[in-house]
C-alpha cells in the first residue's frame, strides 16, 4: 500500500516530463517553421530566377561558397554542365574571376560564363581569368573562382541561412516588407566611397558603424571572411599601444600572431534612424592591417563584418534596386 503512491508519482512524473518535452519540441518546431517561412512570406509576390546551394567551409563562420553548375566546353568539343564552387566576395567590383589554365597565353580579356540554375534558367557572366584564391581548392576540389558585386548587383539576392540557399530574383521584383517590420533590420546600401587619386567609386556593400573606442567608419559586408575584422588604422592611440604590447613576435620571421578585441558596442543605424547594437551577435574581432584594397579611400574603413556574424541572422536580402540591405532576425 505504501509503495503504490510512490510508483504512481514516478509514473506521473515521467509522463509529465514527456509531455513537457513534447510541448517544447512542438514549440521549437513552430518557431523554426515561422522563421523558415519568413523569407518566403517577404518574397511571395516575386518570381525567382533560380536558386543555388551555399556552403561555409573553413574556420569560425566559414567562407561563403556558391555552388553554381557551370556550362563548360571540354577539350574534345562537347558542352557539359559541371558542379563548380565560387567564393562570394563583394569587394570585386566586376562580375568575378575564374581559375585560368596554366597554359592560357592571355589573361587580359573577360571570358563568358553560363551558370545553369534549376529549370534550365541561365545566368550569364563575364569572369576575369587569374589564379587568386587558388588555395581554396584545399577546401573544395570543385573551387573555380570568385563571384563579385558586379554580378550580385544585377539581381535582388536572398541569402537563406536556415536552408543554406541563395535565391536570385529580378532586379525590380516585389519585396513585401514594411519599413517598420520588427523582424528585420533595414539599412541603406552606402555608395559614398571613392578612390582619392581618380575619384572612382568603390562598388561594394558598406555599413556605417559606431564602435567606441574605435574610430567610426565604414564596414564591408564580408561574405569572403570567416571572422569579422577590425583594421589597425581604426584604433585610437591607447588601444593601439595595448594591442602592440600583446602581440608576440616570432624570433625568426618577425611576424606577429593574430590578436583580437571584444567589443561592447557595434552600432548601426536603420532606415528610421534608430541605433541598433549588433555586438551581442558576435563581439570578437580579429585586428589586422588595413588591406591594400581599402587604401586611398575618401571614407574611413573600420573593418569587415564576416560570416561569423552574418550567419547569426536567419537571412539577408540585398536589394540594389531600392538601395536596401535587410537583415532578417
C-alpha atoms as a PDB file:
ATOM      1  CA  UNK A   1       0.000   0.000   0.000  1.00  0.00           C
ATOM      2  CA  UNK A   2       2.811   2.341   0.823  1.00  0.00           C
ATOM      3  CA  UNK A   3       4.642   1.667  -2.445  1.00  0.00           C
ATOM      4  CA  UNK A   4       1.817   2.419  -4.843  1.00  0.00           C
ATOM      5  CA  UNK A   5       1.702   6.169  -4.348  1.00  0.00           C
ATOM      6  CA  UNK A   6       5.453   6.466  -4.922  1.00  0.00           C
ATOM      7  CA  UNK A   7       5.253   4.280  -8.060  1.00  0.00           C
ATOM      8  CA  UNK A   8       2.306   6.323  -9.255  1.00  0.00           C
ATOM      9  CA  UNK A   9       4.232   9.505  -8.547  1.00  0.00           C
ATOM     10  CA  UNK A  10       7.180   8.270 -10.585  1.00  0.00           C
ATOM     11  CA  UNK A  11       4.946   7.227 -13.489  1.00  0.00           C
ATOM     12  CA  UNK A  12       3.109  10.530 -13.325  1.00  0.00           C
ATOM     13  CA  UNK A  13       6.440  12.379 -13.168  1.00  0.00           C
ATOM     14  CA  UNK A  14       7.736  10.570 -16.246  1.00  0.00           C
ATOM     15  CA  UNK A  15       4.507  11.305 -18.111  1.00  0.00           C
ATOM     16  CA  UNK A  16       4.703  14.965 -17.131  1.00  0.00           C
ATOM     17  CA  UNK A  17       8.321  15.158 -18.272  1.00  0.00           C
ATOM     18  CA  UNK A  18       7.470  13.519 -21.602  1.00  0.00           C
ATOM     19  CA  UNK A  19       4.539  15.887 -22.092  1.00  0.00           C
ATOM     20  CA  UNK A  20       6.766  18.879 -21.309  1.00  0.00           C
ATOM     21  CA  UNK A  21       9.426  17.664 -23.751  1.00  0.00           C
ATOM     22  CA  UNK A  22       6.810  17.147 -26.455  1.00  0.00           C
ATOM     23  CA  UNK A  23       5.427  20.636 -25.792  1.00  0.00           C
ATOM     24  CA  UNK A  24       8.910  22.166 -26.007  1.00  0.00           C
ATOM     25  CA  UNK A  25       9.646  20.209 -29.175  1.00  0.00           C
ATOM     26  CA  UNK A  26       6.395  21.375 -30.729  1.00  0.00           C
ATOM     27  CA  UNK A  27       7.102  24.973 -29.699  1.00  0.00           C
ATOM     28  CA  UNK A  28      10.637  24.814 -31.163  1.00  0.00           C
ATOM     29  CA  UNK A  29       9.284  23.329 -34.388  1.00  0.00           C
ATOM     30  CA  UNK A  30       6.690  26.114 -34.613  1.00  0.00           C
ATOM     31  CA  UNK A  31       9.337  28.806 -34.093  1.00  0.00           C
ATOM     32  CA  UNK A  32      11.599  27.166 -36.659  1.00  0.00           C
ATOM     33  CA  UNK A  33       8.744  26.944 -39.181  1.00  0.00           C
ATOM     34  CA  UNK A  34       7.849  30.596 -38.624  1.00  0.00           C
ATOM     35  CA  UNK A  35      11.482  31.662 -39.071  1.00  0.00           C
ATOM     36  CA  UNK A  36      11.963  29.479 -42.129  1.00  0.00           C
ATOM     37  CA  UNK A  37       8.800  30.781 -43.789  1.00  0.00           C
ATOM     38  CA  UNK A  38       9.505  34.453 -43.047  1.00  0.00           C
ATOM     39  CA  UNK A  39      11.767  34.871 -46.082  1.00  0.00           C
ATOM     40  CA  UNK A  40       9.194  33.109 -48.265  1.00  0.00           C
ATOM     41  CA  UNK A  41       6.499  35.445 -46.923  1.00  0.00           C
ATOM     42  CA  UNK A  42       8.559  38.533 -47.729  1.00  0.00           C
ATOM     43  CA  UNK A  43       9.225  37.309 -51.274  1.00  0.00           C
ATOM     44  CA  UNK A  44       5.905  35.583 -52.063  1.00  0.00           C
ATOM     45  CA  UNK A  45       4.963  38.240 -54.660  1.00  0.00           C
ATOM     46  CA  UNK A  46       8.268  37.846 -56.503  1.00  0.00           C
ATOM     47  CA  UNK A  47       9.163  35.202 -59.055  1.00  0.00           C
ATOM     48  CA  UNK A  48      12.698  33.830 -58.602  1.00  0.00           C
ATOM     49  CA  UNK A  49      15.140  33.391 -61.428  1.00  0.00           C
ATOM     50  CA  UNK A  50      16.516  30.389 -59.571  1.00  0.00           C
ATOM     51  CA  UNK A  51      18.437  29.264 -56.523  1.00  0.00           C
ATOM     52  CA  UNK A  52      21.790  27.678 -55.717  1.00  0.00           C
ATOM     53  CA  UNK A  53      23.212  25.988 -52.651  1.00  0.00           C
ATOM     54  CA  UNK A  54      25.589  27.736 -50.275  1.00  0.00           C
ATOM     55  CA  UNK A  55      28.168  26.088 -48.041  1.00  0.00           C
ATOM     56  CA  UNK A  56      30.529  27.509 -45.423  1.00  0.00           C
ATOM     57  CA  UNK A  57      33.758  25.501 -45.154  1.00  0.00           C
ATOM     58  CA  UNK A  58      36.616  26.839 -43.111  1.00  0.00           C
ATOM     59  CA  UNK A  59      37.116  28.157 -39.559  1.00  0.00           C
ATOM     60  CA  UNK A  60      34.753  30.285 -37.459  1.00  0.00           C
ATOM     61  CA  UNK A  61      31.831  31.288 -39.713  1.00  0.00           C
ATOM     62  CA  UNK A  62      33.418  29.766 -42.816  1.00  0.00           C
ATOM     63  CA  UNK A  63      33.934  31.092 -46.341  1.00  0.00           C
ATOM     64  CA  UNK A  64      30.761  31.630 -48.374  1.00  0.00           C
ATOM     65  CA  UNK A  65      30.853  29.161 -51.269  1.00  0.00           C
ATOM     66  CA  UNK A  66      28.235  29.305 -54.024  1.00  0.00           C
ATOM     67  CA  UNK A  67      27.566  26.018 -55.820  1.00  0.00           C
ATOM     68  CA  UNK A  68      26.945  27.144 -59.399  1.00  0.00           C
ATOM     69  CA  UNK A  69      26.528  24.440 -62.078  1.00  0.00           C
ATOM     70  CA  UNK A  70      28.748  25.804 -64.851  1.00  0.00           C
ATOM     71  CA  UNK A  71      28.466  25.149 -68.574  1.00  0.00           C
ATOM     72  CA  UNK A  72      31.872  24.228 -69.986  1.00  0.00           C
ATOM     73  CA  UNK A  73      33.289  23.057 -73.297  1.00  0.00           C
ATOM     74  CA  UNK A  74      35.560  20.048 -73.000  1.00  0.00           C
ATOM     75  CA  UNK A  75      38.843  19.661 -74.854  1.00  0.00           C
ATOM     76  CA  UNK A  76      37.100  17.378 -77.378  1.00  0.00           C
ATOM     77  CA  UNK A  77      34.383  19.970 -78.108  1.00  0.00           C
ATOM     78  CA  UNK A  78      31.441  18.674 -76.057  1.00  0.00           C
ATOM     79  CA  UNK A  79      29.362  21.010 -73.895  1.00  0.00           C
ATOM     80  CA  UNK A  80      28.863  19.761 -70.350  1.00  0.00           C
ATOM     81  CA  UNK A  81      27.493  21.201 -67.111  1.00  0.00           C
ATOM     82  CA  UNK A  82      29.815  20.619 -64.180  1.00  0.00           C
ATOM     83  CA  UNK A  83      29.366  21.334 -60.471  1.00  0.00           C
ATOM     84  CA  UNK A  84      31.631  24.263 -59.649  1.00  0.00           C
ATOM     85  CA  UNK A  85      32.155  26.267 -56.472  1.00  0.00           C
ATOM     86  CA  UNK A  86      32.803  30.026 -56.288  1.00  0.00           C
ATOM     87  CA  UNK A  87      33.719  32.257 -53.359  1.00  0.00           C
ATOM     88  CA  UNK A  88      31.361  35.212 -52.847  1.00  0.00           C
ATOM     89  CA  UNK A  89      33.418  38.405 -52.455  1.00  0.00           C
ATOM     90  CA  UNK A  90      31.615  41.742 -52.798  1.00  0.00           C
ATOM     91  CA  UNK A  91      34.977  43.547 -52.813  1.00  0.00           C
ATOM     92  CA  UNK A  92      35.222  42.677 -56.507  1.00  0.00           C
ATOM     93  CA  UNK A  93      33.545  45.472 -58.437  1.00  0.00           C
ATOM     94  CA  UNK A  94      33.374  43.342 -61.604  1.00  0.00           C
ATOM     95  CA  UNK A  95      31.387  40.131 -62.069  1.00  0.00           C
ATOM     96  CA  UNK A  96      34.124  37.821 -60.868  1.00  0.00           C
ATOM     97  CA  UNK A  97      37.141  35.741 -61.772  1.00  0.00           C
ATOM     98  CA  UNK A  98      37.936  32.113 -62.535  1.00  0.00           C
ATOM     99  CA  UNK A  99      40.963  29.875 -62.199  1.00  0.00           C
ATOM    100  CA  UNK A 100      42.610  30.047 -65.607  1.00  0.00           C
ATOM    101  CA  UNK A 101      44.536  27.051 -67.006  1.00  0.00           C
ATOM    102  CA  UNK A 102      48.309  27.301 -66.678  1.00  0.00           C
ATOM    103  CA  UNK A 103      48.519  27.035 -70.454  1.00  0.00           C
ATOM    104  CA  UNK A 104      46.483  30.203 -71.071  1.00  0.00           C
ATOM    105  CA  UNK A 105      48.614  32.700 -73.024  1.00  0.00           C
ATOM    106  CA  UNK A 106      46.459  35.806 -72.434  1.00  0.00           C
ATOM    107  CA  UNK A 107      44.713  36.820 -69.218  1.00  0.00           C
ATOM    108  CA  UNK A 108      43.668  40.316 -70.265  1.00  0.00           C
ATOM    109  CA  UNK A 109      40.138  39.617 -71.553  1.00  0.00           C
ATOM    110  CA  UNK A 110      36.961  38.591 -69.729  1.00  0.00           C
ATOM    111  CA  UNK A 111      35.586  35.152 -70.552  1.00  0.00           C
ATOM    112  CA  UNK A 112      31.829  34.471 -70.994  1.00  0.00           C
ATOM    113  CA  UNK A 113      30.383  32.006 -68.466  1.00  0.00           C
ATOM    114  CA  UNK A 114      26.953  30.415 -68.153  1.00  0.00           C
ATOM    115  CA  UNK A 115      25.602  29.224 -64.807  1.00  0.00           C
ATOM    116  CA  UNK A 116      22.713  26.753 -65.190  1.00  0.00           C
ATOM    117  CA  UNK A 117      20.107  27.078 -62.442  1.00  0.00           C
ATOM    118  CA  UNK A 118      17.211  24.667 -61.768  1.00  0.00           C
ATOM    119  CA  UNK A 119      14.589  24.767 -64.523  1.00  0.00           C
ATOM    120  CA  UNK A 120      17.343  25.450 -67.074  1.00  0.00           C
ATOM    121  CA  UNK A 121      17.433  29.126 -66.156  1.00  0.00           C
ATOM    122  CA  UNK A 122      20.805  30.557 -67.149  1.00  0.00           C
ATOM    123  CA  UNK A 123      22.769  33.414 -65.596  1.00  0.00           C
ATOM    124  CA  UNK A 124      25.365  34.938 -67.904  1.00  0.00           C
ATOM    125  CA  UNK A 125      28.584  36.402 -66.520  1.00  0.00           C
ATOM    126  CA  UNK A 126      31.946  37.595 -67.735  1.00  0.00           C
ATOM    127  CA  UNK A 127      34.753  36.470 -65.475  1.00  0.00           C
ATOM    128  CA  UNK A 128      38.381  37.544 -65.484  1.00  0.00           C
ATOM    129  CA  UNK A 129      40.997  34.782 -65.748  1.00  0.00           C
ATOM    130  CA  UNK A 130      43.510  34.551 -62.936  1.00  0.00           C
ATOM    131  CA  UNK A 131      44.776  32.474 -60.021  1.00  0.00           C
ATOM    132  CA  UNK A 132      43.578  34.461 -56.995  1.00  0.00           C
ATOM    133  CA  UNK A 133      42.302  32.442 -54.005  1.00  0.00           C
ATOM    134  CA  UNK A 134      43.657  29.253 -55.576  1.00  0.00           C
ATOM    135  CA  UNK A 135      44.459  27.995 -52.066  1.00  0.00           C
ATOM    136  CA  UNK A 136      40.706  27.424 -51.539  1.00  0.00           C
ATOM    137  CA  UNK A 137      40.998  24.320 -53.711  1.00  0.00           C
ATOM    138  CA  UNK A 138      42.120  22.723 -50.462  1.00  0.00           C
ATOM    139  CA  UNK A 139      38.601  23.235 -49.063  1.00  0.00           C
ATOM    140  CA  UNK A 140      36.754  22.050 -52.172  1.00  0.00           C
ATOM    141  CA  UNK A 141      38.297  20.488 -55.266  1.00  0.00           C
ATOM    142  CA  UNK A 142      35.448  21.982 -57.348  1.00  0.00           C
ATOM    143  CA  UNK A 143      36.530  25.530 -56.437  1.00  0.00           C
ATOM    144  CA  UNK A 144      36.656  27.543 -59.670  1.00  0.00           C
ATOM    145  CA  UNK A 145      36.907  31.246 -58.788  1.00  0.00           C
ATOM    146  CA  UNK A 146      35.218  34.252 -57.211  1.00  0.00           C
ATOM    147  CA  UNK A 147      31.812  35.912 -57.767  1.00  0.00           C
ATOM    148  CA  UNK A 148      31.839  39.692 -57.247  1.00  0.00           C
ATOM    149  CA  UNK A 149      29.498  42.612 -56.686  1.00  0.00           C
ATOM    150  CA  UNK A 150      29.277  43.262 -60.431  1.00  0.00           C
ATOM    151  CA  UNK A 151      27.139  40.119 -60.803  1.00  0.00           C
ATOM    152  CA  UNK A 152      25.258  40.274 -57.485  1.00  0.00           C
ATOM    153  CA  UNK A 153      24.030  43.840 -58.108  1.00  0.00           C
ATOM    154  CA  UNK A 154      22.196  42.681 -61.245  1.00  0.00           C
ATOM    155  CA  UNK A 155      19.670  40.837 -59.031  1.00  0.00           C
ATOM    156  CA  UNK A 156      17.843  41.031 -55.745  1.00  0.00           C
ATOM    157  CA  UNK A 157      19.652  38.298 -53.844  1.00  0.00           C
ATOM    158  CA  UNK A 158      18.235  36.479 -50.815  1.00  0.00           C
ATOM    159  CA  UNK A 159      20.636  34.572 -48.534  1.00  0.00           C
ATOM    160  CA  UNK A 160      18.664  31.974 -46.571  1.00  0.00           C
ATOM    161  CA  UNK A 161      20.956  30.729 -43.786  1.00  0.00           C
ATOM    162  CA  UNK A 162      18.338  28.265 -42.499  1.00  0.00           C
ATOM    163  CA  UNK A 163      18.312  26.383 -45.801  1.00  0.00           C
ATOM    164  CA  UNK A 164      21.821  27.453 -46.915  1.00  0.00           C
ATOM    165  CA  UNK A 165      20.389  28.694 -50.200  1.00  0.00           C
ATOM    166  CA  UNK A 166      20.996  31.776 -52.328  1.00  0.00           C
ATOM    167  CA  UNK A 167      17.957  32.832 -54.376  1.00  0.00           C
ATOM    168  CA  UNK A 168      18.196  35.184 -57.367  1.00  0.00           C
ATOM    169  CA  UNK A 169      15.251  37.479 -58.152  1.00  0.00           C
ATOM    170  CA  UNK A 170      14.818  40.004 -60.982  1.00  0.00           C
ATOM    171  CA  UNK A 171      16.118  43.427 -60.030  1.00  0.00           C
ATOM    172  CA  UNK A 172      12.665  45.038 -59.690  1.00  0.00           C
ATOM    173  CA  UNK A 173      10.815  42.124 -58.112  1.00  0.00           C
ATOM    174  CA  UNK A 174       8.328  42.861 -55.305  1.00  0.00           C
ATOM    175  CA  UNK A 175       9.689  42.684 -51.760  1.00  0.00           C
ATOM    176  CA  UNK A 176       6.835  42.581 -49.249  1.00  0.00           C
ATOM    177  CA  UNK A 177       8.494  44.145 -46.179  1.00  0.00           C
ATOM    178  CA  UNK A 178       7.098  47.113 -44.301  1.00  0.00           C
ATOM    179  CA  UNK A 179       9.599  49.791 -43.301  1.00  0.00           C
ATOM    180  CA  UNK A 180       8.713  49.280 -39.619  1.00  0.00           C
ATOM    181  CA  UNK A 181       8.823  45.451 -39.649  1.00  0.00           C
ATOM    182  CA  UNK A 182      10.264  44.495 -36.247  1.00  0.00           C
ATOM    183  CA  UNK A 183      11.590  41.170 -37.548  1.00  0.00           C
ATOM    184  CA  UNK A 184      14.073  42.933 -39.816  1.00  0.00           C
ATOM    185  CA  UNK A 185      16.878  45.484 -39.687  1.00  0.00           C
ATOM    186  CA  UNK A 186      16.758  47.622 -42.816  1.00  0.00           C
ATOM    187  CA  UNK A 187      19.609  49.906 -43.841  1.00  0.00           C
ATOM    188  CA  UNK A 188      20.670  51.847 -46.905  1.00  0.00           C
ATOM    189  CA  UNK A 189      23.495  50.476 -49.052  1.00  0.00           C
ATOM    190  CA  UNK A 190      26.169  53.168 -48.907  1.00  0.00           C
ATOM    191  CA  UNK A 191      27.935  54.124 -52.131  1.00  0.00           C
ATOM    192  CA  UNK A 192      29.916  57.168 -50.994  1.00  0.00           C
ATOM    193  CA  UNK A 193      33.391  55.578 -51.001  1.00  0.00           C
ATOM    194  CA  UNK A 194      35.698  56.760 -53.758  1.00  0.00           C
ATOM    195  CA  UNK A 195      39.391  56.330 -54.576  1.00  0.00           C
ATOM    196  CA  UNK A 196      41.176  59.598 -53.850  1.00  0.00           C
ATOM    197  CA  UNK A 197      43.530  59.754 -56.836  1.00  0.00           C
ATOM    198  CA  UNK A 198      40.897  59.118 -59.546  1.00  0.00           C
ATOM    199  CA  UNK A 199      37.633  59.847 -57.691  1.00  0.00           C
ATOM    200  CA  UNK A 200      36.433  56.427 -58.909  1.00  0.00           C
ATOM    201  CA  UNK A 201      33.544  54.865 -56.928  1.00  0.00           C
ATOM    202  CA  UNK A 202      34.331  51.739 -54.892  1.00  0.00           C
ATOM    203  CA  UNK A 203      31.389  49.434 -55.522  1.00  0.00           C
ATOM    204  CA  UNK A 204      30.543  47.081 -52.669  1.00  0.00           C
ATOM    205  CA  UNK A 205      28.072  46.821 -49.773  1.00  0.00           C
ATOM    206  CA  UNK A 206      29.043  49.175 -46.939  1.00  0.00           C
ATOM    207  CA  UNK A 207      27.563  49.733 -43.478  1.00  0.00           C
ATOM    208  CA  UNK A 208      28.312  52.745 -41.295  1.00  0.00           C
ATOM    209  CA  UNK A 209      29.299  51.653 -37.781  1.00  0.00           C
ATOM    210  CA  UNK A 210      29.985  53.246 -34.388  1.00  0.00           C
ATOM    211  CA  UNK A 211      32.131  51.031 -32.137  1.00  0.00           C
ATOM    212  CA  UNK A 212      33.819  53.123 -29.431  1.00  0.00           C
ATOM    213  CA  UNK A 213      36.653  53.413 -28.532  1.00  0.00           C
ATOM    214  CA  UNK A 214      37.360  52.667 -32.212  1.00  0.00           C
ATOM    215  CA  UNK A 215      37.060  55.454 -34.724  1.00  0.00           C
ATOM    216  CA  UNK A 216      33.684  55.383 -36.534  1.00  0.00           C
ATOM    217  CA  UNK A 217      33.764  54.250 -40.135  1.00  0.00           C
ATOM    218  CA  UNK A 218      32.513  52.004 -42.880  1.00  0.00           C
ATOM    219  CA  UNK A 219      32.361  48.219 -42.548  1.00  0.00           C
ATOM    220  CA  UNK A 220      32.200  45.954 -45.573  1.00  0.00           C
ATOM    221  CA  UNK A 221      29.731  43.065 -45.811  1.00  0.00           C
ATOM    222  CA  UNK A 222      32.376  40.353 -45.983  1.00  0.00           C
ATOM    223  CA  UNK A 223      30.964  37.004 -47.126  1.00  0.00           C
ATOM    224  CA  UNK A 224      34.568  36.125 -48.024  1.00  0.00           C
ATOM    225  CA  UNK A 225      35.794  36.439 -44.398  1.00  0.00           C
ATOM    226  CA  UNK A 226      35.052  33.686 -41.859  1.00  0.00           C
ATOM    227  CA  UNK A 227      35.644  36.047 -38.929  1.00  0.00           C
ATOM    228  CA  UNK A 228      34.856  39.727 -38.536  1.00  0.00           C
ATOM    229  CA  UNK A 229      37.829  42.082 -38.506  1.00  0.00           C
ATOM    230  CA  UNK A 230      38.950  45.440 -37.177  1.00  0.00           C
ATOM    231  CA  UNK A 231      41.697  47.306 -39.013  1.00  0.00           C
ATOM    232  CA  UNK A 232      44.650  48.780 -37.118  1.00  0.00           C
ATOM    233  CA  UNK A 233      44.031  52.163 -38.726  1.00  0.00           C
ATOM    234  CA  UNK A 234      40.731  52.478 -36.828  1.00  0.00           C
ATOM    235  CA  UNK A 235      42.272  52.041 -33.351  1.00  0.00           C
ATOM    236  CA  UNK A 236      42.735  55.002 -31.050  1.00  0.00           C
ATOM    237  CA  UNK A 237      46.283  55.523 -29.756  1.00  0.00           C
ATOM    238  CA  UNK A 238      45.656  53.902 -26.354  1.00  0.00           C
ATOM    239  CA  UNK A 239      44.071  50.744 -27.828  1.00  0.00           C
ATOM    240  CA  UNK A 240      46.850  50.562 -30.408  1.00  0.00           C
ATOM    241  CA  UNK A 241      49.504  50.536 -27.639  1.00  0.00           C
ATOM    242  CA  UNK A 242      47.641  47.778 -25.775  1.00  0.00           C
ATOM    243  CA  UNK A 243      47.371  45.663 -28.924  1.00  0.00           C
ATOM    244  CA  UNK A 244      51.019  46.250 -29.772  1.00  0.00           C
ATOM    245  CA  UNK A 245      52.156  45.127 -26.304  1.00  0.00           C
ATOM    246  CA  UNK A 246      50.073  41.947 -26.505  1.00  0.00           C
ATOM    247  CA  UNK A 247      51.498  40.863 -29.812  1.00  0.00           C
ATOM    248  CA  UNK A 248      54.039  38.044 -29.549  1.00  0.00           C
ATOM    249  CA  UNK A 249      56.849  38.437 -32.068  1.00  0.00           C
ATOM    250  CA  UNK A 250      58.335  35.414 -33.803  1.00  0.00           C
ATOM    251  CA  UNK A 251      62.093  35.467 -33.177  1.00  0.00           C
ATOM    252  CA  UNK A 252      62.925  34.364 -36.725  1.00  0.00           C
ATOM    253  CA  UNK A 253      60.393  35.938 -39.037  1.00  0.00           C
ATOM    254  CA  UNK A 254      59.362  38.967 -37.005  1.00  0.00           C
ATOM    255  CA  UNK A 255      55.699  38.120 -37.645  1.00  0.00           C
ATOM    256  CA  UNK A 256      53.025  38.791 -35.066  1.00  0.00           C
ATOM    257  CA  UNK A 257      50.374  36.340 -34.008  1.00  0.00           C
ATOM    258  CA  UNK A 258      46.742  37.349 -34.650  1.00  0.00           C
ATOM    259  CA  UNK A 259      45.071  39.114 -31.764  1.00  0.00           C
ATOM    260  CA  UNK A 260      41.539  40.289 -31.228  1.00  0.00           C
ATOM    261  CA  UNK A 261      39.182  42.685 -29.482  1.00  0.00           C
ATOM    262  CA  UNK A 262      35.866  42.105 -27.745  1.00  0.00           C
ATOM    263  CA  UNK A 263      33.508  44.993 -28.469  1.00  0.00           C
ATOM    264  CA  UNK A 264      30.625  46.000 -26.223  1.00  0.00           C
ATOM    265  CA  UNK A 265      29.192  48.232 -28.961  1.00  0.00           C
ATOM    266  CA  UNK A 266      28.914  47.672 -32.688  1.00  0.00           C
ATOM    267  CA  UNK A 267      26.119  50.041 -33.578  1.00  0.00           C
ATOM    268  CA  UNK A 268      24.460  50.562 -36.946  1.00  0.00           C
ATOM    269  CA  UNK A 269      21.592  52.920 -37.804  1.00  0.00           C
ATOM    270  CA  UNK A 270      18.495  51.628 -39.590  1.00  0.00           C
ATOM    271  CA  UNK A 271      16.362  53.455 -42.162  1.00  0.00           C
ATOM    272  CA  UNK A 272      14.283  55.040 -39.389  1.00  0.00           C
ATOM    273  CA  UNK A 273      17.370  56.480 -37.709  1.00  0.00           C
ATOM    274  CA  UNK A 274      17.275  54.041 -34.769  1.00  0.00           C
ATOM    275  CA  UNK A 275      20.660  52.832 -33.448  1.00  0.00           C
ATOM    276  CA  UNK A 276      20.953  49.033 -33.241  1.00  0.00           C
ATOM    277  CA  UNK A 277      23.795  47.317 -31.394  1.00  0.00           C
ATOM    278  CA  UNK A 278      24.951  44.111 -33.120  1.00  0.00           C
ATOM    279  CA  UNK A 279      27.740  43.299 -30.622  1.00  0.00           C
ATOM    280  CA  UNK A 280      25.697  40.515 -28.996  1.00  0.00           C
ATOM    281  CA  UNK A 281      25.708  38.633 -32.319  1.00  0.00           C
ATOM    282  CA  UNK A 282      29.487  38.268 -32.162  1.00  0.00           C
ATOM    283  CA  UNK A 283      31.592  40.693 -30.178  1.00  0.00           C
ATOM    284  CA  UNK A 284      35.012  39.274 -31.080  1.00  0.00           C
ATOM    285  CA  UNK A 285      37.003  40.868 -33.905  1.00  0.00           C
ATOM    286  CA  UNK A 286      40.488  39.989 -35.080  1.00  0.00           C
ATOM    287  CA  UNK A 287      42.778  43.004 -35.517  1.00  0.00           C
ATOM    288  CA  UNK A 288      44.655  43.109 -38.833  1.00  0.00           C
ATOM    289  CA  UNK A 289      46.479  45.583 -41.040  1.00  0.00           C
ATOM    290  CA  UNK A 290      44.354  47.674 -43.386  1.00  0.00           C
ATOM    291  CA  UNK A 291      44.140  45.614 -46.631  1.00  0.00           C
ATOM    292  CA  UNK A 292      45.613  47.236 -49.721  1.00  0.00           C
ATOM    293  CA  UNK A 293      42.187  47.290 -51.400  1.00  0.00           C
ATOM    294  CA  UNK A 294      40.985  49.870 -48.826  1.00  0.00           C
ATOM    295  CA  UNK A 295      43.937  52.232 -49.201  1.00  0.00           C
ATOM    296  CA  UNK A 296      43.370  55.725 -50.638  1.00  0.00           C
ATOM    297  CA  UNK A 297      39.625  55.810 -49.982  1.00  0.00           C
ATOM    298  CA  UNK A 298      37.702  59.002 -49.218  1.00  0.00           C
ATOM    299  CA  UNK A 299      35.942  57.327 -46.250  1.00  0.00           C
ATOM    300  CA  UNK A 300      37.460  55.734 -43.119  1.00  0.00           C
ATOM    301  CA  UNK A 301      37.139  51.933 -43.112  1.00  0.00           C
ATOM    302  CA  UNK A 302      36.718  50.394 -39.662  1.00  0.00           C
ATOM    303  CA  UNK A 303      36.708  46.707 -40.614  1.00  0.00           C
ATOM    304  CA  UNK A 304      34.746  43.794 -42.084  1.00  0.00           C
ATOM    305  CA  UNK A 305      31.557  42.082 -40.968  1.00  0.00           C
ATOM    306  CA  UNK A 306      32.324  38.391 -41.556  1.00  0.00           C
ATOM    307  CA  UNK A 307      30.199  35.266 -41.772  1.00  0.00           C
ATOM    308  CA  UNK A 308      30.577  34.594 -38.027  1.00  0.00           C
ATOM    309  CA  UNK A 309      28.139  37.492 -37.503  1.00  0.00           C
ATOM    310  CA  UNK A 310      26.180  37.342 -40.774  1.00  0.00           C
ATOM    311  CA  UNK A 311      25.064  33.768 -40.169  1.00  0.00           C
ATOM    312  CA  UNK A 312      23.537  34.616 -36.786  1.00  0.00           C
ATOM    313  CA  UNK A 313      20.656  36.060 -38.828  1.00  0.00           C
ATOM    314  CA  UNK A 314      18.119  33.749 -40.460  1.00  0.00           C
ATOM    315  CA  UNK A 315      18.643  35.548 -43.754  1.00  0.00           C
ATOM    316  CA  UNK A 316      19.864  38.631 -45.616  1.00  0.00           C
ATOM    317  CA  UNK A 317      18.318  40.441 -48.585  1.00  0.00           C
ATOM    318  CA  UNK A 318      20.464  42.673 -50.797  1.00  0.00           C
ATOM    319  CA  UNK A 319      18.182  44.882 -52.889  1.00  0.00           C
ATOM    320  CA  UNK A 320      20.231  47.170 -55.205  1.00  0.00           C
ATOM    321  CA  UNK A 321      17.101  48.480 -56.983  1.00  0.00           C
ATOM    322  CA  UNK A 322      15.851  50.083 -53.749  1.00  0.00           C
ATOM    323  CA  UNK A 323      19.343  50.599 -52.325  1.00  0.00           C
ATOM    324  CA  UNK A 324      18.449  48.487 -49.275  1.00  0.00           C
ATOM    325  CA  UNK A 325      20.231  45.917 -47.162  1.00  0.00           C
ATOM    326  CA  UNK A 326      17.874  43.855 -44.987  1.00  0.00           C
ATOM    327  CA  UNK A 327      18.889  41.607 -42.103  1.00  0.00           C
ATOM    328  CA  UNK A 328      16.150  39.108 -41.175  1.00  0.00           C
ATOM    329  CA  UNK A 329      16.243  38.184 -37.497  1.00  0.00           C
END
